[in-house]
Amino acid sequence: MIKLSRREKLALLAAGGFVTLFIVIQFIVFPLFDKKARLQRGIAVKTDAIVQMQRLQAEFDLLKAQTDQSKVRFDKRPQGFTLFSFLDQLAGQTGVKDNIAYMKPSKTAQKSGPFSISSVEMKIQAVTLSQITQYLHKVETSPNMVTVKRLSITKNEKQPGVVNAVLQVETFESS
């Protein structure tokens, strides 16, 4: 190294500095930036997961509140409640009992849970639109958790001003 000219020594020093700078940048600076980017991506993923969990928690809380409310309403039903007798009683109250062509009850057991789905398909013939509306209103607004699952209303061809209706009504009952 002693026999090198000043220019060669400067060139070697510049090359050494360049190699040292390259090594420092390649093995220290770039990995630090990569780690910072990975950490920021990880934080974004975790933040999204937290937001998703909060949304699911809110949805769960809503479902739990609805379940609790349904349980309270279910417990308030009269002892020995049956859908068939309930619908028959409402038909008497609304004056459509004599117009019922048929009522077909059925029960479907649920695979999980202590409840079964009780349903009644019924056909009501030759009633006014006002009568069927009143009947449906009483069914849907009853506190007994009864819903009209399917409804078909057709014009009665034999008598003007009256309709025929086929409806399927459902509720949960204890198994």
N, C-alpha and C. Protein backbone atom coordinates (compact mmCIF):
# COMPACT_ATOMS: atom_id res chain seq x y z
N MET A 1 0.81 -1.18 0.00
CA MET A 1 0.00 0.00 0.00
C MET A 1 0.87 1.26 0.00
N ILE A 2 2.06 1.10 0.42
CA ILE A 2 2.96 2.25 0.47
C ILE A 2 3.38 2.64 -0.94
N LYS A 3 3.51 1.75 -1.84
CA LYS A 3 3.99 2.06 -3.18
C LYS A 3 2.89 2.57 -4.09
N LEU A 4 1.67 2.71 -3.60
CA LEU A 4 0.58 3.20 -4.44
C LEU A 4 0.63 4.72 -4.50
N SER A 5 0.28 5.21 -5.61
CA SER A 5 0.26 6.67 -5.74
C SER A 5 -0.95 7.23 -4.98
N ARG A 6 -0.89 8.50 -4.76
CA ARG A 6 -1.95 9.17 -4.02
C ARG A 6 -3.30 8.97 -4.70
N ARG A 7 -3.30 9.02 -5.99
CA ARG A 7 -4.51 8.86 -6.78
C ARG A 7 -5.07 7.45 -6.61
N GLU A 8 -4.19 6.46 -6.61
CA GLU A 8 -4.61 5.07 -6.44
C GLU A 8 -5.14 4.84 -5.02
N LYS A 9 -4.46 5.48 -4.04
CA LYS A 9 -4.91 5.37 -2.66
C LYS A 9 -6.32 5.97 -2.52
N LEU A 10 -6.56 7.12 -3.15
CA LEU A 10 -7.88 7.75 -3.10
C LEU A 10 -8.93 6.87 -3.80
N ALA A 11 -8.55 6.25 -4.88
CA ALA A 11 -9.47 5.37 -5.60
C ALA A 11 -9.82 4.17 -4.74
N LEU A 12 -8.77 3.58 -4.08
CA LEU A 12 -9.03 2.44 -3.18
C LEU A 12 -9.89 2.89 -2.00
N LEU A 13 -9.61 4.04 -1.45
CA LEU A 13 -10.39 4.55 -0.33
C LEU A 13 -11.84 4.81 -0.76
N ALA A 14 -12.04 5.37 -1.94
CA ALA A 14 -13.38 5.62 -2.47
C ALA A 14 -14.11 4.30 -2.71
N ALA A 15 -13.41 3.31 -3.26
CA ALA A 15 -14.01 2.00 -3.51
C ALA A 15 -14.37 1.33 -2.18
N GLY A 16 -13.49 1.41 -1.20
CA GLY A 16 -13.77 0.85 0.13
C GLY A 16 -14.96 1.55 0.77
N GLY A 17 -15.02 2.86 0.64
CA GLY A 17 -16.15 3.62 1.19
C GLY A 17 -17.45 3.24 0.50
N PHE A 18 -17.35 3.06 -0.82
CA PHE A 18 -18.53 2.66 -1.57
C PHE A 18 -19.02 1.27 -1.14
N VAL A 19 -18.09 0.33 -0.99
CA VAL A 19 -18.44 -1.03 -0.56
C VAL A 19 -19.02 -0.99 0.85
N THR A 20 -18.39 -0.20 1.74
CA THR A 20 -18.90 -0.08 3.11
C THR A 20 -20.30 0.53 3.10
N LEU A 21 -20.49 1.58 2.32
CA LEU A 21 -21.80 2.22 2.21
C LEU A 21 -22.83 1.24 1.64
N PHE A 22 -22.43 0.48 0.63
CA PHE A 22 -23.33 -0.52 0.04
C PHE A 22 -23.74 -1.58 1.07
N ILE A 23 -22.77 -2.06 1.83
CA ILE A 23 -23.04 -3.08 2.86
C ILE A 23 -23.97 -2.51 3.93
N VAL A 24 -23.70 -1.28 4.37
CA VAL A 24 -24.54 -0.66 5.40
C VAL A 24 -25.98 -0.49 4.88
N ILE A 25 -26.12 0.01 3.66
CA ILE A 25 -27.45 0.20 3.09
C ILE A 25 -28.15 -1.14 2.87
N GLN A 26 -27.44 -2.10 2.30
CA GLN A 26 -28.04 -3.39 1.94
C GLN A 26 -28.41 -4.22 3.17
N PHE A 27 -27.59 -4.23 4.17
CA PHE A 27 -27.81 -5.14 5.29
C PHE A 27 -28.32 -4.47 6.56
N ILE A 28 -28.40 -3.14 6.59
CA ILE A 28 -28.91 -2.47 7.79
C ILE A 28 -30.11 -1.58 7.45
N VAL A 29 -29.97 -0.68 6.49
CA VAL A 29 -31.02 0.30 6.20
C VAL A 29 -32.23 -0.36 5.52
N PHE A 30 -32.00 -1.14 4.45
CA PHE A 30 -33.12 -1.78 3.76
C PHE A 30 -33.90 -2.74 4.67
N PRO A 31 -33.23 -3.59 5.45
CA PRO A 31 -34.01 -4.45 6.36
C PRO A 31 -34.84 -3.66 7.37
N LEU A 32 -34.33 -2.51 7.83
CA LEU A 32 -35.11 -1.70 8.75
C LEU A 32 -36.38 -1.16 8.08
N PHE A 33 -36.25 -0.69 6.84
CA PHE A 33 -37.42 -0.21 6.11
C PHE A 33 -38.41 -1.34 5.83
N ASP A 34 -37.88 -2.51 5.45
CA ASP A 34 -38.75 -3.67 5.21
C ASP A 34 -39.51 -4.07 6.47
N LYS A 35 -38.80 -4.07 7.59
CA LYS A 35 -39.44 -4.44 8.85
C LYS A 35 -40.52 -3.43 9.21
N LYS A 36 -40.24 -2.16 8.98
CA LYS A 36 -41.23 -1.12 9.28
C LYS A 36 -42.46 -1.31 8.40
N ALA A 37 -42.28 -1.60 7.12
CA ALA A 37 -43.41 -1.82 6.21
C ALA A 37 -44.21 -3.06 6.63
N ARG A 38 -43.52 -4.14 7.02
CA ARG A 38 -44.19 -5.35 7.48
C ARG A 38 -45.01 -5.07 8.73
N LEU A 39 -44.43 -4.30 9.66
CA LEU A 39 -45.14 -3.95 10.88
C LEU A 39 -46.39 -3.11 10.58
N GLN A 40 -46.26 -2.18 9.64
CA GLN A 40 -47.41 -1.35 9.28
C GLN A 40 -48.51 -2.19 8.62
N ARG A 41 -48.11 -3.14 7.76
CA ARG A 41 -49.11 -4.04 7.16
C ARG A 41 -49.76 -4.90 8.23
N GLY A 42 -48.98 -5.38 9.18
CA GLY A 42 -49.51 -6.18 10.28
C GLY A 42 -50.49 -5.39 11.12
N ILE A 43 -50.16 -4.13 11.38
CA ILE A 43 -51.06 -3.26 12.16
C ILE A 43 -52.37 -3.06 11.40
N ALA A 44 -52.28 -2.84 10.08
CA ALA A 44 -53.50 -2.65 9.28
C ALA A 44 -54.36 -3.90 9.30
N VAL A 45 -53.75 -5.08 9.19
CA VAL A 45 -54.50 -6.34 9.23
C VAL A 45 -55.17 -6.52 10.59
N LYS A 46 -54.42 -6.27 11.65
CA LYS A 46 -54.97 -6.42 13.01
C LYS A 46 -56.09 -5.41 13.25
N THR A 47 -55.94 -4.18 12.74
CA THR A 47 -56.98 -3.16 12.89
C THR A 47 -58.26 -3.61 12.18
N ASP A 48 -58.11 -4.14 10.96
CA ASP A 48 -59.28 -4.66 10.24
C ASP A 48 -59.94 -5.80 11.01
N ALA A 49 -59.14 -6.67 11.60
CA ALA A 49 -59.68 -7.79 12.37
C ALA A 49 -60.45 -7.28 13.59
N ILE A 50 -59.93 -6.25 14.24
CA ILE A 50 -60.61 -5.67 15.40
C ILE A 50 -61.94 -5.05 14.98
N VAL A 51 -61.95 -4.33 13.87
CA VAL A 51 -63.19 -3.72 13.38
C VAL A 51 -64.21 -4.81 13.05
N GLN A 52 -63.76 -5.88 12.43
CA GLN A 52 -64.64 -7.01 12.09
C GLN A 52 -65.19 -7.65 13.36
N MET A 53 -64.33 -7.84 14.37
CA MET A 53 -64.77 -8.43 15.63
C MET A 53 -65.79 -7.53 16.33
N GLN A 54 -65.59 -6.22 16.28
CA GLN A 54 -66.53 -5.30 16.89
C GLN A 54 -67.88 -5.35 16.18
N ARG A 55 -67.85 -5.45 14.86
CA ARG A 55 -69.09 -5.56 14.08
C ARG A 55 -69.81 -6.87 14.43
N LEU A 56 -69.08 -7.95 14.51
CA LEU A 56 -69.67 -9.24 14.87
C LEU A 56 -70.21 -9.23 16.30
N GLN A 57 -69.52 -8.54 17.20
CA GLN A 57 -69.99 -8.44 18.58
C GLN A 57 -71.31 -7.67 18.64
N ALA A 58 -71.40 -6.58 17.87
CA ALA A 58 -72.64 -5.81 17.84
C ALA A 58 -73.78 -6.65 17.26
N GLU A 59 -73.49 -7.40 16.21
CA GLU A 59 -74.49 -8.28 15.60
C GLU A 59 -74.92 -9.36 16.58
N PHE A 60 -73.97 -9.93 17.30
CA PHE A 60 -74.27 -10.95 18.31
C PHE A 60 -75.15 -10.36 19.42
N ASP A 61 -74.80 -9.17 19.89
CA ASP A 61 -75.59 -8.53 20.95
C ASP A 61 -77.03 -8.29 20.49
N LEU A 62 -77.20 -7.86 19.23
CA LEU A 62 -78.54 -7.63 18.68
C LEU A 62 -79.32 -8.94 18.62
N LEU A 63 -78.67 -10.00 18.11
CA LEU A 63 -79.33 -11.30 18.04
C LEU A 63 -79.69 -11.83 19.42
N LYS A 64 -78.81 -11.63 20.38
CA LYS A 64 -79.08 -12.08 21.74
C LYS A 64 -80.27 -11.33 22.33
N ALA A 65 -80.33 -10.03 22.10
CA ALA A 65 -81.46 -9.23 22.59
C ALA A 65 -82.76 -9.70 21.95
N GLN A 66 -82.73 -9.96 20.64
CA GLN A 66 -83.92 -10.45 19.95
C GLN A 66 -84.33 -11.83 20.48
N THR A 67 -83.35 -12.67 20.75
CA THR A 67 -83.63 -14.00 21.29
C THR A 67 -84.26 -13.89 22.67
N ASP A 68 -83.70 -13.03 23.50
CA ASP A 68 -84.26 -12.83 24.84
C ASP A 68 -85.69 -12.30 24.77
N GLN A 69 -85.92 -11.36 23.86
CA GLN A 69 -87.26 -10.79 23.69
C GLN A 69 -88.23 -11.87 23.21
N SER A 70 -87.79 -12.71 22.28
CA SER A 70 -88.64 -13.79 21.78
C SER A 70 -88.94 -14.79 22.90
N LYS A 71 -87.96 -15.07 23.73
CA LYS A 71 -88.16 -16.00 24.84
C LYS A 71 -89.20 -15.46 25.81
N VAL A 72 -89.13 -14.16 26.10
CA VAL A 72 -90.12 -13.54 26.99
C VAL A 72 -91.51 -13.63 26.37
N ARG A 73 -91.62 -13.31 25.07
CA ARG A 73 -92.92 -13.39 24.39
C ARG A 73 -93.41 -14.83 24.34
N PHE A 74 -92.51 -15.77 24.14
CA PHE A 74 -92.87 -17.20 24.09
C PHE A 74 -93.39 -17.65 25.44
N ASP A 75 -92.74 -17.20 26.52
CA ASP A 75 -93.16 -17.58 27.87
C ASP A 75 -94.50 -16.96 28.26
N LYS A 76 -94.87 -15.84 27.63
CA LYS A 76 -96.13 -15.17 27.95
C LYS A 76 -97.33 -15.79 27.24
N ARG A 77 -97.08 -16.71 26.29
CA ARG A 77 -98.20 -17.36 25.60
C ARG A 77 -99.02 -18.17 26.59
N PRO A 78 -100.32 -18.29 26.34
CA PRO A 78 -101.16 -19.08 27.25
C PRO A 78 -100.68 -20.53 27.32
N GLN A 79 -100.85 -21.12 28.50
CA GLN A 79 -100.47 -22.53 28.69
C GLN A 79 -101.29 -23.39 27.73
N GLY A 80 -100.66 -24.33 27.06
CA GLY A 80 -101.37 -25.22 26.13
C GLY A 80 -101.69 -24.56 24.80
N PHE A 81 -101.01 -23.49 24.44
CA PHE A 81 -101.25 -22.79 23.17
C PHE A 81 -101.01 -23.74 22.00
N THR A 82 -101.96 -23.76 21.07
CA THR A 82 -101.76 -24.46 19.80
C THR A 82 -102.14 -23.52 18.68
N LEU A 83 -101.43 -23.59 17.61
CA LEU A 83 -101.67 -22.71 16.47
C LEU A 83 -103.04 -22.95 15.87
N PHE A 84 -103.42 -24.21 15.73
CA PHE A 84 -104.70 -24.55 15.13
C PHE A 84 -105.86 -23.90 15.89
N SER A 85 -105.89 -24.06 17.21
CA SER A 85 -106.99 -23.50 18.00
C SER A 85 -106.94 -21.97 18.00
N PHE A 86 -105.74 -21.41 17.98
CA PHE A 86 -105.61 -19.95 17.93
C PHE A 86 -106.21 -19.40 16.64
N LEU A 87 -105.88 -20.02 15.50
CA LEU A 87 -106.40 -19.56 14.21
C LEU A 87 -107.92 -19.76 14.13
N ASP A 88 -108.40 -20.86 14.68
CA ASP A 88 -109.83 -21.13 14.69
C ASP A 88 -110.56 -20.07 15.52
N GLN A 89 -109.99 -19.72 16.67
CA GLN A 89 -110.58 -18.70 17.54
C GLN A 89 -110.62 -17.34 16.82
N LEU A 90 -109.52 -16.97 16.16
CA LEU A 90 -109.49 -15.69 15.42
C LEU A 90 -110.50 -15.69 14.28
N ALA A 91 -110.67 -16.83 13.64
CA ALA A 91 -111.65 -16.92 12.55
C ALA A 91 -113.05 -16.65 13.09
N GLY A 92 -113.34 -17.15 14.28
CA GLY A 92 -114.63 -16.87 14.89
C GLY A 92 -114.79 -15.40 15.23
N GLN A 93 -113.72 -14.77 15.72
CA GLN A 93 -113.77 -13.35 16.09
C GLN A 93 -113.97 -12.45 14.87
N THR A 94 -113.40 -12.82 13.76
CA THR A 94 -113.47 -11.96 12.56
C THR A 94 -114.61 -12.34 11.62
N GLY A 95 -115.34 -13.39 11.93
CA GLY A 95 -116.49 -13.77 11.13
C GLY A 95 -116.17 -14.53 9.86
N VAL A 96 -115.03 -15.18 9.79
CA VAL A 96 -114.68 -15.96 8.60
C VAL A 96 -114.70 -17.46 8.88
N LYS A 97 -115.11 -17.85 10.06
CA LYS A 97 -115.07 -19.27 10.45
C LYS A 97 -115.94 -20.13 9.53
N ASP A 98 -117.11 -19.63 9.16
CA ASP A 98 -118.00 -20.40 8.30
C ASP A 98 -117.47 -20.50 6.87
N ASN A 99 -116.50 -19.66 6.51
CA ASN A 99 -115.96 -19.66 5.15
C ASN A 99 -114.69 -20.49 5.01
N ILE A 100 -114.27 -21.15 6.08
CA ILE A 100 -113.05 -21.96 6.02
C ILE A 100 -113.37 -23.27 5.31
N ALA A 101 -112.67 -23.52 4.19
CA ALA A 101 -112.85 -24.76 3.43
C ALA A 101 -112.08 -25.90 4.08
N TYR A 102 -110.84 -25.60 4.54
CA TYR A 102 -110.04 -26.62 5.23
C TYR A 102 -108.95 -25.96 6.05
N MET A 103 -108.48 -26.70 7.04
CA MET A 103 -107.32 -26.30 7.85
C MET A 103 -106.46 -27.55 8.02
N LYS A 104 -105.23 -27.49 7.53
CA LYS A 104 -104.33 -28.64 7.59
C LYS A 104 -103.14 -28.32 8.50
N PRO A 105 -103.16 -28.85 9.71
CA PRO A 105 -102.02 -28.60 10.61
C PRO A 105 -100.86 -29.54 10.30
N SER A 106 -99.65 -29.07 10.58
CA SER A 106 -98.45 -29.92 10.48
C SER A 106 -97.41 -29.41 11.46
N LYS A 107 -96.49 -30.29 11.79
CA LYS A 107 -95.45 -29.94 12.76
C LYS A 107 -94.12 -30.47 12.21
N THR A 108 -93.09 -29.63 12.28
CA THR A 108 -91.76 -30.01 11.83
C THR A 108 -90.80 -29.88 12.99
N ALA A 109 -90.19 -30.98 13.38
CA ALA A 109 -89.24 -30.95 14.49
C ALA A 109 -87.92 -30.35 14.02
N GLN A 110 -87.33 -29.51 14.86
CA GLN A 110 -86.03 -28.91 14.57
C GLN A 110 -84.93 -29.88 14.99
N LYS A 111 -83.88 -29.96 14.21
CA LYS A 111 -82.78 -30.87 14.53
C LYS A 111 -82.03 -30.42 15.78
N SER A 112 -81.91 -29.12 15.94
CA SER A 112 -81.22 -28.61 17.12
C SER A 112 -82.16 -27.65 17.84
N GLY A 113 -82.28 -27.84 19.11
CA GLY A 113 -83.11 -26.94 19.90
C GLY A 113 -84.37 -27.60 20.41
N PRO A 114 -84.98 -26.97 21.38
CA PRO A 114 -86.14 -27.56 22.04
C PRO A 114 -87.47 -27.20 21.38
N PHE A 115 -87.45 -26.59 20.21
CA PHE A 115 -88.68 -26.12 19.59
C PHE A 115 -88.95 -26.86 18.29
N SER A 116 -90.22 -26.84 17.89
CA SER A 116 -90.61 -27.36 16.59
C SER A 116 -91.43 -26.26 15.90
N ILE A 117 -91.51 -26.35 14.59
CA ILE A 117 -92.29 -25.37 13.83
C ILE A 117 -93.66 -25.97 13.58
N SER A 118 -94.66 -25.28 14.10
CA SER A 118 -96.04 -25.70 13.90
C SER A 118 -96.62 -24.82 12.80
N SER A 119 -97.25 -25.44 11.80
CA SER A 119 -97.84 -24.65 10.73
C SER A 119 -99.23 -25.17 10.41
N VAL A 120 -100.04 -24.27 9.91
CA VAL A 120 -101.40 -24.61 9.49
C VAL A 120 -101.62 -23.98 8.12
N GLU A 121 -102.00 -24.82 7.17
CA GLU A 121 -102.39 -24.30 5.86
C GLU A 121 -103.91 -24.26 5.86
N MET A 122 -104.45 -23.14 5.46
CA MET A 122 -105.91 -23.02 5.47
C MET A 122 -106.40 -22.31 4.22
N LYS A 123 -107.63 -22.71 3.82
CA LYS A 123 -108.26 -22.07 2.67
C LYS A 123 -109.54 -21.43 3.16
N ILE A 124 -109.67 -20.15 2.87
CA ILE A 124 -110.86 -19.39 3.23
C ILE A 124 -111.53 -18.97 1.93
N GLN A 125 -112.81 -19.31 1.77
CA GLN A 125 -113.52 -19.04 0.52
C GLN A 125 -114.59 -17.98 0.72
N ALA A 126 -114.83 -17.24 -0.33
CA ALA A 126 -115.94 -16.29 -0.44
C ALA A 126 -116.00 -15.31 0.74
N VAL A 127 -114.87 -14.61 0.98
CA VAL A 127 -114.84 -13.57 2.00
C VAL A 127 -114.53 -12.24 1.34
N THR A 128 -114.94 -11.17 2.00
CA THR A 128 -114.63 -9.85 1.46
C THR A 128 -113.16 -9.53 1.75
N LEU A 129 -112.66 -8.61 1.00
CA LEU A 129 -111.28 -8.19 1.20
C LEU A 129 -111.10 -7.61 2.59
N SER A 130 -112.12 -6.93 3.09
CA SER A 130 -112.08 -6.37 4.43
C SER A 130 -111.98 -7.47 5.49
N GLN A 131 -112.72 -8.54 5.32
CA GLN A 131 -112.69 -9.64 6.29
C GLN A 131 -111.32 -10.32 6.31
N ILE A 132 -110.78 -10.59 5.14
CA ILE A 132 -109.48 -11.29 5.10
C ILE A 132 -108.37 -10.37 5.62
N THR A 133 -108.50 -9.07 5.35
CA THR A 133 -107.52 -8.11 5.87
C THR A 133 -107.58 -8.06 7.39
N GLN A 134 -108.77 -8.02 7.93
CA GLN A 134 -108.93 -8.00 9.39
C GLN A 134 -108.38 -9.28 10.01
N TYR A 135 -108.64 -10.40 9.40
CA TYR A 135 -108.14 -11.68 9.91
C TYR A 135 -106.60 -11.70 9.89
N LEU A 136 -106.02 -11.32 8.77
CA LEU A 136 -104.55 -11.31 8.64
C LEU A 136 -103.93 -10.33 9.63
N HIS A 137 -104.57 -9.19 9.84
CA HIS A 137 -104.06 -8.21 10.80
C HIS A 137 -104.03 -8.80 12.21
N LYS A 138 -105.09 -9.49 12.60
CA LYS A 138 -105.14 -10.11 13.93
C LYS A 138 -104.08 -11.20 14.07
N VAL A 139 -103.85 -11.95 13.01
CA VAL A 139 -102.83 -13.00 13.05
C VAL A 139 -101.45 -12.38 13.23
N GLU A 140 -101.13 -11.41 12.40
CA GLU A 140 -99.78 -10.83 12.40
C GLU A 140 -99.49 -9.98 13.63
N THR A 141 -100.50 -9.37 14.21
CA THR A 141 -100.24 -8.48 15.35
C THR A 141 -100.46 -9.16 16.70
N SER A 142 -100.76 -10.43 16.68
CA SER A 142 -100.97 -11.12 17.96
C SER A 142 -99.64 -11.22 18.71
N PRO A 143 -99.68 -11.22 20.03
CA PRO A 143 -98.44 -11.33 20.80
C PRO A 143 -97.91 -12.77 20.88
N ASN A 144 -98.53 -13.68 20.12
CA ASN A 144 -98.17 -15.10 20.20
C ASN A 144 -97.08 -15.52 19.21
N MET A 145 -96.40 -14.59 18.61
CA MET A 145 -95.30 -14.87 17.68
C MET A 145 -95.75 -15.76 16.53
N VAL A 146 -96.84 -15.38 15.89
CA VAL A 146 -97.41 -16.11 14.76
C VAL A 146 -97.16 -15.29 13.51
N THR A 147 -96.73 -15.94 12.43
CA THR A 147 -96.48 -15.22 11.18
C THR A 147 -97.15 -15.92 10.01
N VAL A 148 -97.57 -15.12 9.05
CA VAL A 148 -98.11 -15.67 7.81
C VAL A 148 -96.91 -15.91 6.90
N LYS A 149 -96.66 -17.16 6.62
CA LYS A 149 -95.50 -17.54 5.82
C LYS A 149 -95.78 -17.42 4.32
N ARG A 150 -97.01 -17.78 3.92
CA ARG A 150 -97.36 -17.77 2.51
C ARG A 150 -98.82 -17.34 2.40
N LEU A 151 -99.14 -16.58 1.36
CA LEU A 151 -100.50 -16.08 1.18
C LEU A 151 -100.80 -16.00 -0.31
N SER A 152 -101.96 -16.52 -0.68
CA SER A 152 -102.42 -16.43 -2.07
C SER A 152 -103.88 -16.00 -2.05
N ILE A 153 -104.18 -14.88 -2.67
CA ILE A 153 -105.55 -14.37 -2.73
C ILE A 153 -105.98 -14.36 -4.19
N THR A 154 -107.14 -14.97 -4.45
CA THR A 154 -107.67 -15.00 -5.82
C THR A 154 -109.11 -14.51 -5.81
N LYS A 155 -109.52 -13.94 -6.92
CA LYS A 155 -110.88 -13.45 -7.06
C LYS A 155 -111.82 -14.65 -7.19
N ASN A 156 -112.93 -14.60 -6.51
CA ASN A 156 -113.92 -15.67 -6.59
C ASN A 156 -114.73 -15.45 -7.86
N GLU A 157 -114.70 -16.40 -8.77
CA GLU A 157 -115.37 -16.26 -10.06
C GLU A 157 -116.88 -16.38 -9.94
N LYS A 158 -117.36 -17.13 -8.94
CA LYS A 158 -118.80 -17.38 -8.81
C LYS A 158 -119.54 -16.19 -8.19
N GLN A 159 -118.87 -15.49 -7.27
CA GLN A 159 -119.52 -14.37 -6.58
C GLN A 159 -118.66 -13.12 -6.74
N PRO A 160 -119.23 -12.07 -7.30
CA PRO A 160 -118.45 -10.83 -7.44
C PRO A 160 -118.27 -10.15 -6.09
N GLY A 161 -117.12 -9.49 -5.91
CA GLY A 161 -116.86 -8.73 -4.69
C GLY A 161 -116.28 -9.54 -3.55
N VAL A 162 -116.03 -10.82 -3.76
CA VAL A 162 -115.43 -11.65 -2.71
C VAL A 162 -114.20 -12.36 -3.27
N VAL A 163 -113.35 -12.82 -2.35
CA VAL A 163 -112.11 -13.47 -2.74
C VAL A 163 -111.96 -14.80 -2.02
N ASN A 164 -111.05 -15.61 -2.53
CA ASN A 164 -110.64 -16.85 -1.87
C ASN A 164 -109.19 -16.66 -1.45
N ALA A 165 -108.83 -17.21 -0.32
CA ALA A 165 -107.45 -17.06 0.16
C ALA A 165 -106.94 -18.40 0.66
N VAL A 166 -105.69 -18.68 0.32
CA VAL A 166 -104.98 -19.83 0.86
C VAL A 166 -103.77 -19.26 1.58
N LEU A 167 -103.64 -19.61 2.86
CA LEU A 167 -102.51 -19.07 3.61
C LEU A 167 -101.86 -20.15 4.45
N GLN A 168 -100.60 -19.97 4.69
CA GLN A 168 -99.84 -20.84 5.57
C GLN A 168 -99.32 -19.99 6.71
N VAL A 169 -99.66 -20.40 7.95
CA VAL A 169 -99.29 -19.66 9.13
C VAL A 169 -98.37 -20.53 9.96
N GLU A 170 -97.32 -19.92 10.54
CA GLU A 170 -96.33 -20.68 11.30
C GLU A 170 -96.05 -20.02 12.64
N THR A 171 -95.59 -20.87 13.57
CA THR A 171 -95.09 -20.40 14.85
C THR A 171 -94.19 -21.47 15.44
N PHE A 172 -93.43 -21.10 16.46
CA PHE A 172 -92.62 -22.07 17.20
C PHE A 172 -93.42 -22.59 18.37
N GLU A 173 -93.28 -23.88 18.64
CA GLU A 173 -93.90 -24.50 19.81
C GLU A 173 -92.88 -25.38 20.50
N SER A 174 -93.09 -25.62 21.77
CA SER A 174 -92.20 -26.52 22.50
C SER A 174 -92.37 -27.94 21.98
N SER A 175 -91.26 -28.62 21.83
CA SER A 175 -91.30 -30.00 21.35
C SER A 175 -91.78 -30.95 22.41
